[in-house]
């Protein structure tokens, strides 16, 4: 929020995204996004959060009541993966470490995979 009790919606959306929630695609947030009149169709790149939108605290509370549970969990890092950014970095590191590994063989205990070259 700002000093005059306004909620900076784009900052909340950015924090949700940082915590692994896709605000424009998550079905748990559709009603909130509609209530806040946030339309992703005007975005120029997929990762963009959108225009800087401010709403009053009371308007945000009303608009987001339908998504309160997921907002609370995501914004308080109380998700299944509490530190999503760190998790993503670890996955990227594992991928980078293993992307050039060409050894091994297909799982022959799965018939479909045993026939693949």
C-alpha atoms as a PDB file:
ATOM      1  CA  UNK A   1       0.000   0.000   0.000  1.00  0.00           C
ATOM      2  CA  UNK A   2       0.980   3.635  -0.274  1.00  0.00           C
ATOM      3  CA  UNK A   3       0.761   6.340   2.390  1.00  0.00           C
ATOM      4  CA  UNK A   4      -2.742   7.306   1.294  1.00  0.00           C
ATOM      5  CA  UNK A   5      -4.060   3.742   1.818  1.00  0.00           C
ATOM      6  CA  UNK A   6      -3.931   2.707  -1.828  1.00  0.00           C
ATOM      7  CA  UNK A   7      -2.998  -0.812  -2.915  1.00  0.00           C
ATOM      8  CA  UNK A   8      -0.470  -1.088  -5.718  1.00  0.00           C
ATOM      9  CA  UNK A   9      -2.068  -4.039  -7.511  1.00  0.00           C
ATOM     10  CA  UNK A  10       0.835  -4.578  -9.924  1.00  0.00           C
ATOM     11  CA  UNK A  11       3.172  -5.105  -6.965  1.00  0.00           C
ATOM     12  CA  UNK A  12       0.895  -7.769  -5.517  1.00  0.00           C
ATOM     13  CA  UNK A  13       0.665  -9.486  -8.898  1.00  0.00           C
ATOM     14  CA  UNK A  14       4.458  -9.360  -9.244  1.00  0.00           C
ATOM     15  CA  UNK A  15       4.872 -10.922  -5.792  1.00  0.00           C
ATOM     16  CA  UNK A  16       2.371 -13.648  -6.660  1.00  0.00           C
ATOM     17  CA  UNK A  17       4.332 -14.392  -9.819  1.00  0.00           C
ATOM     18  CA  UNK A  18       7.584 -14.476  -7.856  1.00  0.00           C
ATOM     19  CA  UNK A  19       5.992 -17.060  -5.543  1.00  0.00           C
ATOM     20  CA  UNK A  20       4.964 -19.306  -8.432  1.00  0.00           C
ATOM     21  CA  UNK A  21       1.395 -18.119  -9.000  1.00  0.00           C
ATOM     22  CA  UNK A  22       0.471 -17.026 -12.517  1.00  0.00           C
ATOM     23  CA  UNK A  23      -2.084 -14.295 -11.819  1.00  0.00           C
ATOM     24  CA  UNK A  24      -3.565 -14.270 -15.325  1.00  0.00           C
ATOM     25  CA  UNK A  25      -3.827 -18.056 -15.627  1.00  0.00           C
ATOM     26  CA  UNK A  26      -4.613 -19.323 -12.144  1.00  0.00           C
ATOM     27  CA  UNK A  27      -8.323 -20.233 -11.963  1.00  0.00           C
ATOM     28  CA  UNK A  28      -8.349 -19.329  -8.258  1.00  0.00           C
ATOM     29  CA  UNK A  29      -7.681 -15.691  -9.204  1.00  0.00           C
ATOM     30  CA  UNK A  30     -10.010 -15.230 -12.194  1.00  0.00           C
ATOM     31  CA  UNK A  31     -12.824 -13.666 -10.204  1.00  0.00           C
ATOM     32  CA  UNK A  32     -10.452 -11.320  -8.380  1.00  0.00           C
ATOM     33  CA  UNK A  33      -8.855 -10.234 -11.654  1.00  0.00           C
ATOM     34  CA  UNK A  34     -12.307  -9.603 -13.114  1.00  0.00           C
ATOM     35  CA  UNK A  35     -13.339  -7.661 -10.000  1.00  0.00           C
ATOM     36  CA  UNK A  36     -10.248  -5.497 -10.355  1.00  0.00           C
ATOM     37  CA  UNK A  37     -10.866  -5.073 -14.104  1.00  0.00           C
ATOM     38  CA  UNK A  38      -7.462  -6.443 -14.998  1.00  0.00           C
ATOM     39  CA  UNK A  39      -7.398  -7.786 -18.540  1.00  0.00           C
ATOM     40  CA  UNK A  40      -4.252  -9.583 -19.721  1.00  0.00           C
ATOM     41  CA  UNK A  41      -5.122  -9.170 -23.413  1.00  0.00           C
ATOM     42  CA  UNK A  42      -3.440  -5.757 -23.522  1.00  0.00           C
ATOM     43  CA  UNK A  43      -0.075  -7.063 -22.361  1.00  0.00           C
ATOM     44  CA  UNK A  44       2.713  -6.915 -24.905  1.00  0.00           C
ATOM     45  CA  UNK A  45       4.841  -9.782 -23.580  1.00  0.00           C
ATOM     46  CA  UNK A  46       3.720 -12.893 -21.648  1.00  0.00           C
ATOM     47  CA  UNK A  47       5.795 -12.108 -18.569  1.00  0.00           C
ATOM     48  CA  UNK A  48       4.476  -8.548 -18.221  1.00  0.00           C
ATOM     49  CA  UNK A  49       2.404  -7.812 -15.125  1.00  0.00           C
ATOM     50  CA  UNK A  50       0.481  -4.926 -16.617  1.00  0.00           C
ATOM     51  CA  UNK A  51      -0.093  -1.264 -16.076  1.00  0.00           C
ATOM     52  CA  UNK A  52       0.506   0.259 -12.682  1.00  0.00           C
ATOM     53  CA  UNK A  53      -2.909   0.048 -11.134  1.00  0.00           C
ATOM     54  CA  UNK A  54      -3.884   1.437  -7.746  1.00  0.00           C
ATOM     55  CA  UNK A  55      -7.114   0.789  -5.894  1.00  0.00           C
ATOM     56  CA  UNK A  56      -8.239   1.757  -2.435  1.00  0.00           C
ATOM     57  CA  UNK A  57      -7.599  -0.728   0.324  1.00  0.00           C
ATOM     58  CA  UNK A  58     -11.343  -1.284   0.815  1.00  0.00           C
ATOM     59  CA  UNK A  59     -11.848  -1.852  -2.936  1.00  0.00           C
ATOM     60  CA  UNK A  60      -8.997  -4.363  -2.993  1.00  0.00           C
ATOM     61  CA  UNK A  61     -10.392  -6.214   0.025  1.00  0.00           C
ATOM     62  CA  UNK A  62     -13.817  -6.449  -1.627  1.00  0.00           C
ATOM     63  CA  UNK A  63     -12.379  -7.491  -4.985  1.00  0.00           C
ATOM     64  CA  UNK A  64      -9.998 -10.081  -3.574  1.00  0.00           C
ATOM     65  CA  UNK A  65     -12.256 -11.660  -0.930  1.00  0.00           C
ATOM     66  CA  UNK A  66     -12.983 -14.541  -3.320  1.00  0.00           C
ATOM     67  CA  UNK A  67      -9.235 -15.292  -3.540  1.00  0.00           C
ATOM     68  CA  UNK A  68      -8.276 -14.515   0.043  1.00  0.00           C
ATOM     69  CA  UNK A  69      -7.030 -18.003   0.876  1.00  0.00           C
ATOM     70  CA  UNK A  70      -4.619 -18.327  -2.048  1.00  0.00           C
ATOM     71  CA  UNK A  71      -3.490 -14.694  -1.677  1.00  0.00           C
ATOM     72  CA  UNK A  72      -2.745 -15.193   1.997  1.00  0.00           C
ATOM     73  CA  UNK A  73      -0.822 -18.405   1.364  1.00  0.00           C
ATOM     74  CA  UNK A  74       1.184 -17.005  -1.549  1.00  0.00           C
ATOM     75  CA  UNK A  75       1.979 -13.629  -0.032  1.00  0.00           C
ATOM     76  CA  UNK A  76       3.013 -15.133   3.303  1.00  0.00           C
ATOM     77  CA  UNK A  77       5.217 -17.787   1.634  1.00  0.00           C
ATOM     78  CA  UNK A  78       2.967 -20.507   2.994  1.00  0.00           C
ATOM     79  CA  UNK A  79       2.676 -22.485  -0.225  1.00  0.00           C
ATOM     80  CA  UNK A  80       3.706 -26.093  -0.838  1.00  0.00           C
ATOM     81  CA  UNK A  81       6.993 -24.642  -2.106  1.00  0.00           C
ATOM     82  CA  UNK A  82       7.546 -21.703   0.264  1.00  0.00           C
ATOM     83  CA  UNK A  83      10.546 -20.214  -1.572  1.00  0.00           C
ATOM     84  CA  UNK A  84       9.592 -20.665  -5.213  1.00  0.00           C
ATOM     85  CA  UNK A  85      12.435 -18.544  -6.600  1.00  0.00           C
ATOM     86  CA  UNK A  86      15.030 -20.678  -4.798  1.00  0.00           C
ATOM     87  CA  UNK A  87      13.278 -23.853  -5.990  1.00  0.00           C
ATOM     88  CA  UNK A  88      13.416 -22.598  -9.599  1.00  0.00           C
ATOM     89  CA  UNK A  89      17.118 -21.828  -9.263  1.00  0.00           C
ATOM     90  CA  UNK A  90      17.795 -25.335  -7.934  1.00  0.00           C
ATOM     91  CA  UNK A  91      15.853 -26.921 -10.797  1.00  0.00           C
ATOM     92  CA  UNK A  92      17.741 -24.776 -13.309  1.00  0.00           C
ATOM     93  CA  UNK A  93      21.060 -25.785 -11.726  1.00  0.00           C
ATOM     94  CA  UNK A  94      20.120 -29.490 -11.891  1.00  0.00           C
ATOM     95  CA  UNK A  95      19.116 -29.076 -15.531  1.00  0.00           C
ATOM     96  CA  UNK A  96      22.344 -27.236 -16.397  1.00  0.00           C
ATOM     97  CA  UNK A  97      24.404 -29.935 -14.642  1.00  0.00           C
ATOM     98  CA  UNK A  98      22.673 -32.780 -16.489  1.00  0.00           C
ATOM     99  CA  UNK A  99      21.706 -31.406 -19.901  1.00  0.00           C
ATOM    100  CA  UNK A 100      24.788 -32.836 -21.611  1.00  0.00           C
ATOM    101  CA  UNK A 101      24.514 -36.327 -20.089  1.00  0.00           C
ATOM    102  CA  UNK A 102      23.852 -38.752 -22.926  1.00  0.00           C
ATOM    103  CA  UNK A 103      24.532 -42.079 -21.173  1.00  0.00           C
ATOM    104  CA  UNK A 104      22.137 -44.613 -19.770  1.00  0.00           C
ATOM    105  CA  UNK A 105      19.403 -46.644 -21.370  1.00  0.00           C
ATOM    106  CA  UNK A 106      15.639 -46.506 -21.677  1.00  0.00           C
ATOM    107  CA  UNK A 107      13.568 -48.075 -18.938  1.00  0.00           C
ATOM    108  CA  UNK A 108      13.065 -51.582 -20.298  1.00  0.00           C
ATOM    109  CA  UNK A 109      10.527 -52.449 -17.623  1.00  0.00           C
ATOM    110  CA  UNK A 110       8.080 -50.200 -19.520  1.00  0.00           C
ATOM    111  CA  UNK A 111       7.357 -51.989 -22.816  1.00  0.00           C
ATOM    112  CA  UNK A 112       6.731 -48.814 -24.822  1.00  0.00           C
ATOM    113  CA  UNK A 113      10.054 -47.321 -23.722  1.00  0.00           C
ATOM    114  CA  UNK A 114      12.014 -50.536 -24.328  1.00  0.00           C
ATOM    115  CA  UNK A 115      11.094 -50.277 -28.046  1.00  0.00           C
ATOM    116  CA  UNK A 116      12.275 -46.652 -28.397  1.00  0.00           C
ATOM    117  CA  UNK A 117      15.771 -46.093 -29.754  1.00  0.00           C
END
